[in-house]
Amino acid sequence: MFYEAIFEPSAKRDYNTDALDLAGKIIALEDGWIIDEGDCKGQQSFYIPNSTVGLIPSSDLKDIKPVPFVRWKEIHSSIGFGE
């Protein structure tokens, strides 16, 4: 499924520079899986395809909502990861 959300990285997570550049922005996401270890154990994760951001726990996202693929692709392209 395709989602959009506002990325609000937690200070306790170690995100790379690419991720921190997206802080406060609407990002395009896809379903990940349930995190099975660490401080976010049990949370749903999401990811940005074709990026180096890695898994993002749901606790670092605000206003997660499903979107049609056309909208998702627009957002994905606008944040620099689209084709």
N, C-alpha and C. Protein backbone atom coordinates (compact mmCIF):
# COMPACT_ATOMS: atom_id res chain seq x y z
N MET A 1 0.83 -1.18 0.00
CA MET A 1 0.00 0.00 0.00
C MET A 1 0.88 1.25 0.00
N PHE A 2 0.33 2.36 -0.47
CA PHE A 2 1.07 3.61 -0.57
C PHE A 2 0.53 4.62 0.43
N TYR A 3 1.44 5.34 1.08
CA TYR A 3 1.08 6.28 2.13
C TYR A 3 1.82 7.59 1.97
N GLU A 4 1.26 8.62 2.62
CA GLU A 4 1.98 9.87 2.81
C GLU A 4 1.92 10.16 4.31
N ALA A 5 2.94 10.86 4.78
CA ALA A 5 3.00 11.24 6.19
C ALA A 5 4.02 12.35 6.36
N ILE A 6 3.93 13.03 7.47
CA ILE A 6 4.93 14.05 7.82
C ILE A 6 5.99 13.34 8.66
N PHE A 7 7.23 13.50 8.25
CA PHE A 7 8.34 12.84 8.93
C PHE A 7 8.83 13.72 10.09
N GLU A 8 8.74 13.17 11.29
CA GLU A 8 9.22 13.85 12.49
C GLU A 8 10.19 12.92 13.22
N PRO A 9 11.46 12.95 12.81
CA PRO A 9 12.43 12.02 13.39
C PRO A 9 12.64 12.23 14.88
N SER A 10 12.69 11.12 15.58
CA SER A 10 12.93 11.14 17.02
C SER A 10 14.41 11.40 17.29
N ALA A 11 14.69 12.14 18.33
CA ALA A 11 16.08 12.44 18.69
C ALA A 11 16.82 11.18 19.12
N LYS A 12 16.08 10.16 19.57
CA LYS A 12 16.76 8.95 20.05
C LYS A 12 17.09 7.96 18.94
N ARG A 13 16.64 8.24 17.72
CA ARG A 13 16.98 7.37 16.59
C ARG A 13 18.14 7.98 15.82
N ASP A 14 18.98 7.13 15.27
CA ASP A 14 20.16 7.59 14.56
C ASP A 14 19.90 7.58 13.05
N TYR A 15 19.33 8.66 12.54
CA TYR A 15 19.04 8.77 11.11
C TYR A 15 20.23 9.40 10.39
N ASN A 16 20.37 9.06 9.10
CA ASN A 16 21.43 9.66 8.30
C ASN A 16 21.03 11.06 7.83
N THR A 17 21.94 11.74 7.17
CA THR A 17 21.71 13.10 6.70
C THR A 17 20.54 13.18 5.73
N ASP A 18 20.41 12.19 4.82
CA ASP A 18 19.30 12.18 3.88
C ASP A 18 17.96 12.21 4.62
N ALA A 19 17.86 11.43 5.67
CA ALA A 19 16.63 11.39 6.46
C ALA A 19 16.38 12.72 7.16
N LEU A 20 17.40 13.27 7.77
CA LEU A 20 17.23 14.51 8.52
C LEU A 20 16.84 15.68 7.60
N ASP A 21 17.25 15.62 6.33
CA ASP A 21 16.86 16.65 5.37
C ASP A 21 15.35 16.62 5.09
N LEU A 22 14.70 15.49 5.37
CA LEU A 22 13.27 15.34 5.13
C LEU A 22 12.41 15.69 6.34
N ALA A 23 13.04 16.02 7.45
CA ALA A 23 12.31 16.32 8.68
C ALA A 23 11.29 17.44 8.46
N GLY A 24 10.07 17.20 8.91
CA GLY A 24 9.00 18.17 8.80
C GLY A 24 8.30 18.21 7.45
N LYS A 25 8.74 17.39 6.52
CA LYS A 25 8.16 17.37 5.18
C LYS A 25 7.21 16.19 5.01
N ILE A 26 6.29 16.33 4.06
CA ILE A 26 5.44 15.20 3.68
C ILE A 26 6.28 14.27 2.82
N ILE A 27 6.28 13.00 3.17
CA ILE A 27 7.05 12.01 2.41
C ILE A 27 6.15 10.89 1.92
N ALA A 28 6.58 10.23 0.86
CA ALA A 28 5.87 9.10 0.28
C ALA A 28 6.45 7.81 0.85
N LEU A 29 5.58 6.94 1.33
CA LEU A 29 6.03 5.74 2.03
C LEU A 29 5.33 4.49 1.50
N GLU A 30 5.98 3.36 1.75
CA GLU A 30 5.36 2.07 1.52
C GLU A 30 5.40 1.28 2.82
N ASP A 31 4.48 0.31 2.93
CA ASP A 31 4.44 -0.58 4.10
C ASP A 31 5.77 -1.29 4.29
N GLY A 32 6.20 -1.33 5.51
CA GLY A 32 7.35 -2.15 5.86
C GLY A 32 6.82 -3.38 6.60
N TRP A 33 7.31 -3.62 7.78
CA TRP A 33 6.89 -4.76 8.58
C TRP A 33 6.91 -4.35 10.04
N ILE A 34 6.48 -5.23 10.89
CA ILE A 34 6.50 -4.96 12.32
C ILE A 34 7.94 -5.09 12.82
N ILE A 35 8.40 -4.09 13.52
CA ILE A 35 9.77 -4.09 14.05
C ILE A 35 9.83 -5.08 15.20
N ASP A 36 10.83 -5.98 15.16
CA ASP A 36 10.88 -7.06 16.15
C ASP A 36 11.97 -6.91 17.20
N GLU A 37 12.68 -5.80 17.19
CA GLU A 37 13.68 -5.59 18.25
C GLU A 37 13.97 -4.10 18.42
N GLY A 38 14.64 -3.77 19.50
CA GLY A 38 15.01 -2.38 19.77
C GLY A 38 13.91 -1.59 20.46
N ASP A 39 14.14 -0.27 20.53
CA ASP A 39 13.21 0.59 21.26
C ASP A 39 11.87 0.80 20.55
N CYS A 40 11.77 0.39 19.30
CA CYS A 40 10.52 0.52 18.54
C CYS A 40 9.85 -0.84 18.31
N LYS A 41 10.24 -1.82 19.10
CA LYS A 41 9.70 -3.17 18.96
C LYS A 41 8.17 -3.15 18.99
N GLY A 42 7.57 -3.86 18.02
CA GLY A 42 6.12 -3.96 17.95
C GLY A 42 5.45 -2.91 17.08
N GLN A 43 6.19 -1.90 16.66
CA GLN A 43 5.62 -0.85 15.82
C GLN A 43 5.65 -1.23 14.35
N GLN A 44 4.68 -0.73 13.60
CA GLN A 44 4.69 -0.87 12.15
C GLN A 44 5.81 0.02 11.61
N SER A 45 6.53 -0.47 10.62
CA SER A 45 7.56 0.35 9.99
C SER A 45 7.14 0.69 8.56
N PHE A 46 7.74 1.73 8.03
CA PHE A 46 7.52 2.19 6.67
C PHE A 46 8.89 2.47 6.07
N TYR A 47 8.94 2.59 4.74
CA TYR A 47 10.19 2.94 4.09
C TYR A 47 9.92 3.77 2.85
N ILE A 48 10.98 4.49 2.42
CA ILE A 48 10.93 5.29 1.20
C ILE A 48 11.73 4.52 0.15
N PRO A 49 11.07 3.99 -0.88
CA PRO A 49 11.80 3.24 -1.90
C PRO A 49 12.89 4.09 -2.56
N ASN A 50 13.96 3.44 -2.95
CA ASN A 50 15.09 4.08 -3.64
C ASN A 50 15.77 5.16 -2.81
N SER A 51 15.76 5.00 -1.51
CA SER A 51 16.42 5.97 -0.64
C SER A 51 17.37 5.25 0.31
N THR A 52 18.17 6.04 1.00
CA THR A 52 19.09 5.49 2.00
C THR A 52 18.56 5.72 3.42
N VAL A 53 17.31 6.13 3.53
CA VAL A 53 16.73 6.47 4.83
C VAL A 53 16.56 5.24 5.72
N GLY A 54 16.20 4.11 5.16
CA GLY A 54 15.98 2.91 5.95
C GLY A 54 14.58 2.86 6.51
N LEU A 55 14.37 1.98 7.47
CA LEU A 55 13.05 1.82 8.07
C LEU A 55 12.71 2.99 8.98
N ILE A 56 11.46 3.40 8.92
CA ILE A 56 10.97 4.48 9.76
C ILE A 56 9.82 3.93 10.60
N PRO A 57 9.96 3.93 11.92
CA PRO A 57 8.86 3.45 12.76
C PRO A 57 7.68 4.43 12.72
N SER A 58 6.50 3.91 12.91
CA SER A 58 5.30 4.75 12.86
C SER A 58 5.34 5.89 13.88
N SER A 59 6.09 5.73 14.96
CA SER A 59 6.17 6.78 15.98
C SER A 59 6.91 8.02 15.48
N ASP A 60 7.65 7.90 14.39
CA ASP A 60 8.37 9.05 13.81
C ASP A 60 7.61 9.68 12.65
N LEU A 61 6.35 9.29 12.51
CA LEU A 61 5.50 9.82 11.43
C LEU A 61 4.24 10.43 12.01
N LYS A 62 3.78 11.49 11.37
CA LYS A 62 2.56 12.17 11.81
C LYS A 62 1.58 12.19 10.63
N ASP A 63 0.31 12.01 10.92
CA ASP A 63 -0.75 12.08 9.91
C ASP A 63 -0.54 11.07 8.78
N ILE A 64 -0.28 9.82 9.13
CA ILE A 64 -0.13 8.76 8.13
C ILE A 64 -1.48 8.49 7.49
N LYS A 65 -1.51 8.53 6.16
CA LYS A 65 -2.76 8.21 5.48
C LYS A 65 -2.49 7.55 4.13
N PRO A 66 -3.34 6.61 3.76
CA PRO A 66 -3.18 5.96 2.46
C PRO A 66 -3.51 6.95 1.34
N VAL A 67 -2.77 6.84 0.25
CA VAL A 67 -2.99 7.72 -0.90
C VAL A 67 -2.97 6.90 -2.18
N PRO A 68 -3.62 7.40 -3.24
CA PRO A 68 -3.55 6.72 -4.53
C PRO A 68 -2.11 6.78 -5.07
N PHE A 69 -1.80 5.84 -5.94
CA PHE A 69 -0.44 5.75 -6.49
C PHE A 69 -0.03 7.05 -7.18
N VAL A 70 -0.93 7.70 -7.89
CA VAL A 70 -0.60 8.94 -8.60
C VAL A 70 -0.11 10.00 -7.61
N ARG A 71 -0.82 10.16 -6.49
CA ARG A 71 -0.40 11.13 -5.45
C ARG A 71 0.93 10.70 -4.84
N TRP A 72 1.08 9.42 -4.55
CA TRP A 72 2.31 8.90 -3.96
C TRP A 72 3.50 9.21 -4.88
N LYS A 73 3.32 8.98 -6.16
CA LYS A 73 4.41 9.20 -7.12
C LYS A 73 4.78 10.68 -7.19
N GLU A 74 3.82 11.57 -7.12
CA GLU A 74 4.10 13.02 -7.10
C GLU A 74 4.96 13.39 -5.90
N ILE A 75 4.58 12.89 -4.74
CA ILE A 75 5.33 13.19 -3.51
C ILE A 75 6.73 12.60 -3.61
N HIS A 76 6.81 11.35 -4.03
CA HIS A 76 8.10 10.65 -4.13
C HIS A 76 9.05 11.42 -5.04
N SER A 77 8.55 11.91 -6.16
CA SER A 77 9.37 12.69 -7.09
C SER A 77 9.78 14.04 -6.47
N SER A 78 8.86 14.66 -5.75
CA SER A 78 9.14 15.98 -5.19
C SER A 78 10.20 15.95 -4.10
N ILE A 79 10.38 14.82 -3.43
CA ILE A 79 11.42 14.72 -2.40
C ILE A 79 12.73 14.18 -2.94
N GLY A 80 12.78 13.98 -4.27
CA GLY A 80 14.04 13.63 -4.91
C GLY A 80 14.30 12.16 -5.12
N PHE A 81 13.30 11.30 -4.97
CA PHE A 81 13.53 9.87 -5.14
C PHE A 81 12.75 9.27 -6.32
N GLY A 82 12.01 10.09 -7.04
CA GLY A 82 11.22 9.60 -8.17
C GLY A 82 12.05 9.41 -9.42
N GLU A 83 11.42 8.82 -10.40
CA GLU A 83 12.14 8.60 -11.67
C GLU A 83 12.12 9.83 -12.51
